[in-house]
Amino acid sequence: MVPYTVIKEANPPLYSGTATGVINLLNFSLSALLGHVFVWMMQGVPAGKPTGLERYQTTFQPLLYGVALAIALTFLLKETGRAAARVVPIEALENV
């Protein structure tokens, strides 16, 4: 949900629909493509043998790295909403 919020605040209201569409395209395209990657990684199990915990851990480990990276990157986001657009009154500047 963070990309939706950032893209809506970073673009003018006129382009918010287009920006949301681009984010949707990226999310659904990557989901469709990465599903095949996970299947390919899981297929390393020999036929007839049960899938072990190690295979699941190996397959889903990149997801954990991605979540950790996303959490770290959220701290680098700059405020783009109302807090960033605070206007200092002219009277306050005259007293300086």
PDB file of N, CA and C in Angstrom:
ATOM      1  N   MET A   1       0.812  -1.197   0.000  1.00  0.00           N
ATOM      2  CA  MET A   1       0.000   0.000   0.000  1.00  0.00           C
ATOM      3  C   MET A   1       0.858   1.265   0.000  1.00  0.00           C
ATOM      4  N   VAL A   2       2.104   1.155   0.406  1.00  0.00           N
ATOM      5  CA  VAL A   2       2.963   2.336   0.424  1.00  0.00           C
ATOM      6  C   VAL A   2       3.143   2.921  -0.985  1.00  0.00           C
ATOM      7  N   PRO A   3       3.383   2.099  -2.027  1.00  0.00           N
ATOM      8  CA  PRO A   3       3.535   2.708  -3.354  1.00  0.00           C
ATOM      9  C   PRO A   3       2.300   3.474  -3.811  1.00  0.00           C
ATOM     10  N   TYR A   4       1.106   3.006  -3.479  1.00  0.00           N
ATOM     11  CA  TYR A   4      -0.106   3.727  -3.872  1.00  0.00           C
ATOM     12  C   TYR A   4      -0.158   5.105  -3.215  1.00  0.00           C
ATOM     13  N   THR A   5       0.158   5.153  -1.949  1.00  0.00           N
ATOM     14  CA  THR A   5       0.130   6.425  -1.230  1.00  0.00           C
ATOM     15  C   THR A   5       1.175   7.384  -1.780  1.00  0.00           C
ATOM     16  N   VAL A   6       2.367   6.887  -1.994  1.00  0.00           N
ATOM     17  CA  VAL A   6       3.449   7.743  -2.486  1.00  0.00           C
ATOM     18  C   VAL A   6       3.129   8.261  -3.884  1.00  0.00           C
ATOM     19  N   ILE A   7       2.640   7.398  -4.759  1.00  0.00           N
ATOM     20  CA  ILE A   7       2.387   7.816  -6.136  1.00  0.00           C
ATOM     21  C   ILE A   7       1.244   8.821  -6.210  1.00  0.00           C
ATOM     22  N   LYS A   8       0.257   8.689  -5.317  1.00  0.00           N
ATOM     23  CA  LYS A   8      -0.860   9.643  -5.329  1.00  0.00           C
ATOM     24  C   LYS A   8      -0.425  11.005  -4.788  1.00  0.00           C
ATOM     25  N   GLU A   9       0.459  11.023  -3.820  1.00  0.00           N
ATOM     26  CA  GLU A   9       0.914  12.293  -3.245  1.00  0.00           C
ATOM     27  C   GLU A   9       1.971  12.961  -4.107  1.00  0.00           C
ATOM     28  N   ALA A  10       2.767  12.183  -4.830  1.00  0.00           N
ATOM     29  CA  ALA A  10       3.878  12.742  -5.594  1.00  0.00           C
ATOM     30  C   ALA A  10       3.440  13.322  -6.934  1.00  0.00           C
ATOM     31  N   ASN A  11       2.242  12.970  -7.393  1.00  0.00           N
ATOM     32  CA  ASN A  11       1.761  13.447  -8.689  1.00  0.00           C
ATOM     33  C   ASN A  11       0.578  14.388  -8.509  1.00  0.00           C
ATOM     34  N   PRO A  12       0.370  15.272  -9.473  1.00  0.00           N
ATOM     35  CA  PRO A  12      -0.797  16.159  -9.410  1.00  0.00           C
ATOM     36  C   PRO A  12      -2.094  15.339  -9.457  1.00  0.00           C
ATOM     37  N   PRO A  13      -3.172  15.857  -8.864  1.00  0.00           N
ATOM     38  CA  PRO A  13      -4.440  15.116  -8.856  1.00  0.00           C
ATOM     39  C   PRO A  13      -4.923  14.729 -10.254  1.00  0.00           C
ATOM     40  N   LEU A  14      -4.550  15.517 -11.239  1.00  0.00           N
ATOM     41  CA  LEU A  14      -4.946  15.234 -12.617  1.00  0.00           C
ATOM     42  C   LEU A  14      -4.421  13.876 -13.085  1.00  0.00           C
ATOM     43  N   TYR A  15      -3.257  13.474 -12.610  1.00  0.00           N
ATOM     44  CA  TYR A  15      -2.620  12.235 -13.054  1.00  0.00           C
ATOM     45  C   TYR A  15      -2.727  11.099 -12.048  1.00  0.00           C
ATOM     46  N   SER A  16      -3.519  11.243 -11.011  1.00  0.00           N
ATOM     47  CA  SER A  16      -3.575  10.201  -9.982  1.00  0.00           C
ATOM     48  C   SER A  16      -4.149   8.897 -10.519  1.00  0.00           C
ATOM     49  N   GLY A  17      -5.109   8.966 -11.419  1.00  0.00           N
ATOM     50  CA  GLY A  17      -5.666   7.743 -12.005  1.00  0.00           C
ATOM     51  C   GLY A  17      -4.643   6.998 -12.842  1.00  0.00           C
ATOM     52  N   THR A  18      -3.886   7.728 -13.645  1.00  0.00           N
ATOM     53  CA  THR A  18      -2.845   7.113 -14.466  1.00  0.00           C
ATOM     54  C   THR A  18      -1.751   6.518 -13.585  1.00  0.00           C
ATOM     55  N   ALA A  19      -1.359   7.237 -12.556  1.00  0.00           N
ATOM     56  CA  ALA A  19      -0.319   6.749 -11.652  1.00  0.00           C
ATOM     57  C   ALA A  19      -0.769   5.476 -10.943  1.00  0.00           C
ATOM     58  N   THR A  20      -2.015   5.430 -10.515  1.00  0.00           N
ATOM     59  CA  THR A  20      -2.545   4.230  -9.864  1.00  0.00           C
ATOM     60  C   THR A  20      -2.576   3.067 -10.849  1.00  0.00           C
ATOM     61  N   GLY A  21      -2.926   3.343 -12.092  1.00  0.00           N
ATOM     62  CA  GLY A  21      -2.928   2.298 -13.113  1.00  0.00           C
ATOM     63  C   GLY A  21      -1.546   1.725 -13.357  1.00  0.00           C
ATOM     64  N   VAL A  22      -0.537   2.583 -13.355  1.00  0.00           N
ATOM     65  CA  VAL A  22       0.833   2.111 -13.561  1.00  0.00           C
ATOM     66  C   VAL A  22       1.270   1.231 -12.396  1.00  0.00           C
ATOM     67  N   ILE A  23       0.948   1.630 -11.182  1.00  0.00           N
ATOM     68  CA  ILE A  23       1.300   0.816 -10.012  1.00  0.00           C
ATOM     69  C   ILE A  23       0.573  -0.527 -10.072  1.00  0.00           C
ATOM     70  N   ASN A  24      -0.700  -0.527 -10.451  1.00  0.00           N
ATOM     71  CA  ASN A  24      -1.433  -1.785 -10.602  1.00  0.00           C
ATOM     72  C   ASN A  24      -0.781  -2.676 -11.641  1.00  0.00           C
ATOM     73  N   LEU A  25      -0.393  -2.104 -12.773  1.00  0.00           N
ATOM     74  CA  LEU A  25       0.260  -2.879 -13.827  1.00  0.00           C
ATOM     75  C   LEU A  25       1.542  -3.519 -13.303  1.00  0.00           C
ATOM     76  N   LEU A  26       2.339  -2.750 -12.580  1.00  0.00           N
ATOM     77  CA  LEU A  26       3.578  -3.303 -12.029  1.00  0.00           C
ATOM     78  C   LEU A  26       3.309  -4.419 -11.025  1.00  0.00           C
ATOM     79  N   ASN A  27       2.362  -4.188 -10.115  1.00  0.00           N
ATOM     80  CA  ASN A  27       2.058  -5.202  -9.101  1.00  0.00           C
ATOM     81  C   ASN A  27       1.563  -6.496  -9.718  1.00  0.00           C
ATOM     82  N   PHE A  28       0.594  -6.410 -10.612  1.00  0.00           N
ATOM     83  CA  PHE A  28       0.024  -7.628 -11.180  1.00  0.00           C
ATOM     84  C   PHE A  28       0.975  -8.305 -12.154  1.00  0.00           C
ATOM     85  N   SER A  29       1.767  -7.540 -12.892  1.00  0.00           N
ATOM     86  CA  SER A  29       2.735  -8.142 -13.813  1.00  0.00           C
ATOM     87  C   SER A  29       3.812  -8.903 -13.043  1.00  0.00           C
ATOM     88  N   LEU A  30       4.351  -8.264 -12.009  1.00  0.00           N
ATOM     89  CA  LEU A  30       5.378  -8.946 -11.216  1.00  0.00           C
ATOM     90  C   LEU A  30       4.811 -10.163 -10.493  1.00  0.00           C
ATOM     91  N   SER A  31       3.580 -10.076 -10.021  1.00  0.00           N
ATOM     92  CA  SER A  31       2.966 -11.225  -9.363  1.00  0.00           C
ATOM     93  C   SER A  31       2.805 -12.384 -10.338  1.00  0.00           C
ATOM     94  N   ALA A  32       2.386 -12.088 -11.558  1.00  0.00           N
ATOM     95  CA  ALA A  32       2.195 -13.135 -12.556  1.00  0.00           C
ATOM     96  C   ALA A  32       3.522 -13.774 -12.960  1.00  0.00           C
ATOM     97  N   LEU A  33       4.560 -12.967 -13.100  1.00  0.00           N
ATOM     98  CA  LEU A  33       5.850 -13.504 -13.515  1.00  0.00           C
ATOM     99  C   LEU A  33       6.572 -14.233 -12.386  1.00  0.00           C
ATOM    100  N   LEU A  34       6.516 -13.683 -11.197  1.00  0.00           N
ATOM    101  CA  LEU A  34       7.239 -14.301 -10.083  1.00  0.00           C
ATOM    102  C   LEU A  34       6.592 -15.593  -9.601  1.00  0.00           C
ATOM    103  N   GLY A  35       5.307 -15.778  -9.892  1.00  0.00           N
ATOM    104  CA  GLY A  35       4.663 -17.050  -9.561  1.00  0.00           C
ATOM    105  C   GLY A  35       5.360 -18.205 -10.251  1.00  0.00           C
ATOM    106  N   HIS A  36       5.758 -18.008 -11.490  1.00  0.00           N
ATOM    107  CA  HIS A  36       6.456 -19.047 -12.240  1.00  0.00           C
ATOM    108  C   HIS A  36       7.859 -19.286 -11.692  1.00  0.00           C
ATOM    109  N   VAL A  37       8.487 -18.254 -11.205  1.00  0.00           N
ATOM    110  CA  VAL A  37       9.821 -18.404 -10.616  1.00  0.00           C
ATOM    111  C   VAL A  37       9.742 -19.264  -9.359  1.00  0.00           C
ATOM    112  N   PHE A  38       8.733 -19.028  -8.529  1.00  0.00           N
ATOM    113  CA  PHE A  38       8.588 -19.821  -7.306  1.00  0.00           C
ATOM    114  C   PHE A  38       8.273 -21.274  -7.633  1.00  0.00           C
ATOM    115  N   VAL A  39       7.458 -21.508  -8.647  1.00  0.00           N
ATOM    116  CA  VAL A  39       7.174 -22.889  -9.059  1.00  0.00           C
ATOM    117  C   VAL A  39       8.447 -23.560  -9.539  1.00  0.00           C
ATOM    118  N   TRP A  40       9.244 -22.852 -10.319  1.00  0.00           N
ATOM    119  CA  TRP A  40      10.499 -23.415 -10.814  1.00  0.00           C
ATOM    120  C   TRP A  40      11.426 -23.771  -9.654  1.00  0.00           C
ATOM    121  N   MET A  41      11.482 -22.915  -8.647  1.00  0.00           N
ATOM    122  CA  MET A  41      12.337 -23.191  -7.490  1.00  0.00           C
ATOM    123  C   MET A  41      11.827 -24.378  -6.680  1.00  0.00           C
ATOM    124  N   MET A  42      10.517 -24.532  -6.604  1.00  0.00           N
ATOM    125  CA  MET A  42       9.947 -25.641  -5.835  1.00  0.00           C
ATOM    126  C   MET A  42      10.056 -26.972  -6.571  1.00  0.00           C
ATOM    127  N   GLN A  43      10.232 -26.970  -7.873  1.00  0.00           N
ATOM    128  CA  GLN A  43      10.275 -28.210  -8.640  1.00  0.00           C
ATOM    129  C   GLN A  43      11.575 -28.979  -8.491  1.00  0.00           C
ATOM    130  N   GLY A  44      12.470 -28.520  -7.694  1.00  0.00           N
ATOM    131  CA  GLY A  44      13.728 -29.228  -7.484  1.00  0.00           C
ATOM    132  C   GLY A  44      13.563 -30.495  -6.663  1.00  0.00           C
ATOM    133  N   VAL A  45      12.376 -30.779  -6.165  1.00  0.00           N
ATOM    134  CA  VAL A  45      12.119 -31.967  -5.350  1.00  0.00           C
ATOM    135  C   VAL A  45      11.955 -33.167  -6.281  1.00  0.00           C
ATOM    136  N   PRO A  46      12.648 -34.285  -6.015  1.00  0.00           N
ATOM    137  CA  PRO A  46      12.482 -35.470  -6.853  1.00  0.00           C
ATOM    138  C   PRO A  46      11.029 -35.981  -6.822  1.00  0.00           C
ATOM    139  N   ALA A  47      10.585 -36.566  -7.916  1.00  0.00           N
ATOM    140  CA  ALA A  47       9.206 -37.051  -8.025  1.00  0.00           C
ATOM    141  C   ALA A  47       8.930 -38.126  -6.980  1.00  0.00           C
ATOM    142  N   GLY A  48       7.776 -38.039  -6.364  1.00  0.00           N
ATOM    143  CA  GLY A  48       7.357 -39.034  -5.377  1.00  0.00           C
ATOM    144  C   GLY A  48       7.811 -38.748  -3.963  1.00  0.00           C
ATOM    145  N   LYS A  49       8.699 -37.803  -3.772  1.00  0.00           N
ATOM    146  CA  LYS A  49       9.161 -37.478  -2.421  1.00  0.00           C
ATOM    147  C   LYS A  49       8.395 -36.264  -1.907  1.00  0.00           C
ATOM    148  N   PRO A  50       8.127 -36.217  -0.613  1.00  0.00           N
ATOM    149  CA  PRO A  50       7.433 -35.043  -0.066  1.00  0.00           C
ATOM    150  C   PRO A  50       8.343 -33.816  -0.077  1.00  0.00           C
ATOM    151  N   THR A  51       7.717 -32.676  -0.225  1.00  0.00           N
ATOM    152  CA  THR A  51       8.462 -31.417  -0.210  1.00  0.00           C
ATOM    153  C   THR A  51       8.856 -31.107   1.228  1.00  0.00           C
ATOM    154  N   GLY A  52      10.132 -30.950   1.454  1.00  0.00           N
ATOM    155  CA  GLY A  52      10.618 -30.705   2.804  1.00  0.00           C
ATOM    156  C   GLY A  52      10.619 -29.230   3.166  1.00  0.00           C
ATOM    157  N   LEU A  53      10.807 -28.980   4.433  1.00  0.00           N
ATOM    158  CA  LEU A  53      10.839 -27.618   4.952  1.00  0.00           C
ATOM    159  C   LEU A  53      11.979 -26.813   4.335  1.00  0.00           C
ATOM    160  N   GLU A  54      13.097 -27.472   4.059  1.00  0.00           N
ATOM    161  CA  GLU A  54      14.241 -26.777   3.476  1.00  0.00           C
ATOM    162  C   GLU A  54      13.898 -26.155   2.130  1.00  0.00           C
ATOM    163  N   ARG A  55      13.121 -26.870   1.324  1.00  0.00           N
ATOM    164  CA  ARG A  55      12.761 -26.369  -0.003  1.00  0.00           C
ATOM    165  C   ARG A  55      11.894 -25.120   0.129  1.00  0.00           C
ATOM    166  N   TYR A  56      10.932 -25.149   1.057  1.00  0.00           N
ATOM    167  CA  TYR A  56      10.084 -23.970   1.273  1.00  0.00           C
ATOM    168  C   TYR A  56      10.906 -22.784   1.773  1.00  0.00           C
ATOM    169  N   GLN A  57      11.820 -23.044   2.687  1.00  0.00           N
ATOM    170  CA  GLN A  57      12.645 -21.962   3.211  1.00  0.00           C
ATOM    171  C   GLN A  57      13.533 -21.362   2.129  1.00  0.00           C
ATOM    172  N   THR A  58      14.085 -22.202   1.271  1.00  0.00           N
ATOM    173  CA  THR A  58      14.925 -21.710   0.176  1.00  0.00           C
ATOM    174  C   THR A  58      14.112 -20.916  -0.830  1.00  0.00           C
ATOM    175  N   THR A  59      12.906 -21.383  -1.102  1.00  0.00           N
ATOM    176  CA  THR A  59      12.066 -20.728  -2.103  1.00  0.00           C
ATOM    177  C   THR A  59      11.570 -19.367  -1.631  1.00  0.00           C
ATOM    178  N   PHE A  60      11.173 -19.270  -0.384  1.00  0.00           N
ATOM    179  CA  PHE A  60      10.564 -18.036   0.103  1.00  0.00           C
ATOM    180  C   PHE A  60      11.544 -17.089   0.789  1.00  0.00           C
ATOM    181  N   GLN A  61      12.794 -17.457   0.874  1.00  0.00           N
ATOM    182  CA  GLN A  61      13.795 -16.586   1.486  1.00  0.00           C
ATOM    183  C   GLN A  61      13.927 -15.246   0.760  1.00  0.00           C
ATOM    184  N   PRO A  62      13.898 -15.198  -0.588  1.00  0.00           N
ATOM    185  CA  PRO A  62      13.960 -13.887  -1.252  1.00  0.00           C
ATOM    186  C   PRO A  62      12.795 -12.966  -0.873  1.00  0.00           C
ATOM    187  N   LEU A  63      11.635 -13.524  -0.571  1.00  0.00           N
ATOM    188  CA  LEU A  63      10.511 -12.697  -0.132  1.00  0.00           C
ATOM    189  C   LEU A  63      10.814 -12.009   1.188  1.00  0.00           C
ATOM    190  N   LEU A  64      11.452 -12.714   2.086  1.00  0.00           N
ATOM    191  CA  LEU A  64      11.812 -12.109   3.372  1.00  0.00           C
ATOM    192  C   LEU A  64      12.820 -10.982   3.178  1.00  0.00           C
ATOM    193  N   TYR A  65      13.771 -11.197   2.269  1.00  0.00           N
ATOM    194  CA  TYR A  65      14.737 -10.125   1.969  1.00  0.00           C
ATOM    195  C   TYR A  65      14.026  -8.920   1.364  1.00  0.00           C
ATOM    196  N   GLY A  66      13.049  -9.175   0.494  1.00  0.00           N
ATOM    197  CA  GLY A  66      12.293  -8.082  -0.112  1.00  0.00           C
ATOM    198  C   GLY A  66      11.508  -7.287   0.908  1.00  0.00           C
ATOM    199  N   VAL A  67      10.899  -7.974   1.860  1.00  0.00           N
ATOM    200  CA  VAL A  67      10.148  -7.285   2.911  1.00  0.00           C
ATOM    201  C   VAL A  67      11.090  -6.455   3.778  1.00  0.00           C
ATOM    202  N   ALA A  68      12.234  -7.011   4.119  1.00  0.00           N
ATOM    203  CA  ALA A  68      13.209  -6.263   4.921  1.00  0.00           C
ATOM    204  C   ALA A  68      13.704  -5.031   4.163  1.00  0.00           C
ATOM    205  N   LEU A  69      13.948  -5.178   2.864  1.00  0.00           N
ATOM    206  CA  LEU A  69      14.372  -4.041   2.050  1.00  0.00           C
ATOM    207  C   LEU A  69      13.283  -2.980   1.972  1.00  0.00           C
ATOM    208  N   ALA A  70      12.032  -3.406   1.817  1.00  0.00           N
ATOM    209  CA  ALA A  70      10.918  -2.456   1.752  1.00  0.00           C
ATOM    210  C   ALA A  70      10.774  -1.682   3.060  1.00  0.00           C
ATOM    211  N   ILE A  71      10.921  -2.363   4.171  1.00  0.00           N
ATOM    212  CA  ILE A  71      10.835  -1.684   5.468  1.00  0.00           C
ATOM    213  C   ILE A  71      11.967  -0.668   5.603  1.00  0.00           C
ATOM    214  N   ALA A  72      13.171  -1.049   5.191  1.00  0.00           N
ATOM    215  CA  ALA A  72      14.301  -0.118   5.283  1.00  0.00           C
ATOM    216  C   ALA A  72      14.095   1.085   4.371  1.00  0.00           C
ATOM    217  N   LEU A  73      13.560   0.862   3.177  1.00  0.00           N
ATOM    218  CA  LEU A  73      13.366   1.966   2.239  1.00  0.00           C
ATOM    219  C   LEU A  73      12.265   2.927   2.677  1.00  0.00           C
ATOM    220  N   THR A  74      11.314   2.468   3.479  1.00  0.00           N
ATOM    221  CA  THR A  74      10.261   3.378   3.934  1.00  0.00           C
ATOM    222  C   THR A  74      10.815   4.481   4.824  1.00  0.00           C
ATOM    223  N   PHE A  75      11.919   4.211   5.492  1.00  0.00           N
ATOM    224  CA  PHE A  75      12.519   5.247   6.338  1.00  0.00           C
ATOM    225  C   PHE A  75      13.226   6.320   5.515  1.00  0.00           C
ATOM    226  N   LEU A  76      13.474   6.042   4.248  1.00  0.00           N
ATOM    227  CA  LEU A  76      14.135   7.009   3.377  1.00  0.00           C
ATOM    228  C   LEU A  76      13.144   7.862   2.586  1.00  0.00           C
ATOM    229  N   LEU A  77      11.852   7.562   2.706  1.00  0.00           N
ATOM    230  CA  LEU A  77      10.844   8.339   1.986  1.00  0.00           C
ATOM    231  C   LEU A  77      10.761   9.747   2.553  1.00  0.00           C
ATOM    232  N   LYS A  78      10.602  10.698   1.671  1.00  0.00           N
ATOM    233  CA  LYS A  78      10.435  12.079   2.107  1.00  0.00           C
ATOM    234  C   LYS A  78       8.958  12.404   2.191  1.00  0.00           C
ATOM    235  N   GLU A  79       8.606  13.258   3.121  1.00  0.00           N
ATOM    236  CA  GLU A  79       7.215  13.662   3.296  1.00  0.00           C
ATOM    237  C   GLU A  79       6.769  14.475   2.090  1.00  0.00           C
ATOM    238  N   THR A  80       5.646  14.085   1.501  1.00  0.00           N
ATOM    239  CA  THR A  80       5.134  14.809   0.340  1.00  0.00           C
ATOM    240  C   THR A  80       3.730  15.348   0.583  1.00  0.00           C
ATOM    241  N   GLY A  81       3.164  15.076   1.722  1.00  0.00           N
ATOM    242  CA  GLY A  81       1.792  15.497   2.004  1.00  0.00           C
ATOM    243  C   GLY A  81       1.720  16.892   2.593  1.00  0.00           C
ATOM    244  N   ARG A  82       0.734  17.095   3.426  1.00  0.00           N
ATOM    245  CA  ARG A  82       0.500  18.420   4.018  1.00  0.00           C
ATOM    246  C   ARG A  82       1.639  18.873   4.918  1.00  0.00           C
ATOM    247  N   ALA A  83       2.275  17.922   5.574  1.00  0.00           N
ATOM    248  CA  ALA A  83       3.364  18.300   6.479  1.00  0.00           C
ATOM    249  C   ALA A  83       4.539  18.913   5.717  1.00  0.00           C
ATOM    250  N   ALA A  84       4.755  18.484   4.490  1.00  0.00           N
ATOM    251  CA  ALA A  84       5.856  19.030   3.700  1.00  0.00           C
ATOM    252  C   ALA A  84       5.498  20.377   3.093  1.00  0.00           C
ATOM    253  N   ALA A  85       4.223  20.663   2.986  1.00  0.00           N
ATOM    254  CA  ALA A  85       3.779  21.898   2.324  1.00  0.00           C
ATOM    255  C   ALA A  85       3.388  22.987   3.306  1.00  0.00           C
ATOM    256  N   ARG A  86       3.880  22.922   4.528  1.00  0.00           N
ATOM    257  CA  ARG A  86       3.549  23.955   5.511  1.00  0.00           C
ATOM    258  C   ARG A  86       4.106  25.293   5.065  1.00  0.00           C
ATOM    259  N   VAL A  87       3.278  26.279   5.114  1.00  0.00           N
ATOM    260  CA  VAL A  87       3.662  27.622   4.677  1.00  0.00           C
ATOM    261  C   VAL A  87       3.895  28.479   5.917  1.00  0.00           C
ATOM    262  N   VAL A  88       5.016  29.180   5.914  1.00  0.00           N
ATOM    263  CA  VAL A  88       5.330  30.073   7.021  1.00  0.00           C
ATOM    264  C   VAL A  88       4.668  31.417   6.730  1.00  0.00           C
ATOM    265  N   PRO A  89       3.895  31.969   7.687  1.00  0.00           N
ATOM    266  CA  PRO A  89       3.252  33.269   7.471  1.00  0.00           C
ATOM    267  C   PRO A  89       4.293  34.368   7.270  1.00  0.00           C
ATOM    268  N   ILE A  90       3.963  35.349   6.471  1.00  0.00           N
ATOM    269  CA  ILE A  90       4.877  36.451   6.171  1.00  0.00           C
ATOM    270  C   ILE A  90       5.186  37.249   7.438  1.00  0.00           C
ATOM    271  N   GLU A  91       4.212  37.382   8.351  1.00  0.00           N
ATOM    272  CA  GLU A  91       4.445  38.122   9.595  1.00  0.00           C
ATOM    273  C   GLU A  91       5.562  37.482  10.404  1.00  0.00           C
ATOM    274  N   ALA A  92       5.666  36.176  10.364  1.00  0.00           N
ATOM    275  CA  ALA A  92       6.722  35.492  11.113  1.00  0.00           C
ATOM    276  C   ALA A  92       8.074  35.788  10.526  1.00  0.00           C
ATOM    277  N   LEU A  93       8.162  35.990   9.227  1.00  0.00           N
ATOM    278  CA  LEU A  93       9.442  36.285   8.578  1.00  0.00           C
ATOM    279  C   LEU A  93       9.870  37.733   8.816  1.00  0.00           C
ATOM    280  N   GLU A  94       8.910  38.651   8.992  1.00  0.00           N
ATOM    281  CA  GLU A  94       9.248  40.052   9.206  1.00  0.00           C
ATOM    282  C   GLU A  94       9.904  40.278  10.560  1.00  0.00           C
ATOM    283  N   ASN A  95       9.612  39.458  11.546  1.00  0.00           N
ATOM    284  CA  ASN A  95      10.169  39.621  12.870  1.00  0.00           C
ATOM    285  C   ASN A  95      11.581  39.029  12.994  1.00  0.00           C
ATOM    286  N   VAL A  96      12.040  38.379  11.975  1.00  0.00           N
ATOM    287  CA  VAL A  96      13.336  37.701  12.053  1.00  0.00           C
ATOM    288  C   VAL A  96      14.454  38.647  11.828  1.00  0.00           C
TER     289      VAL A  96
END
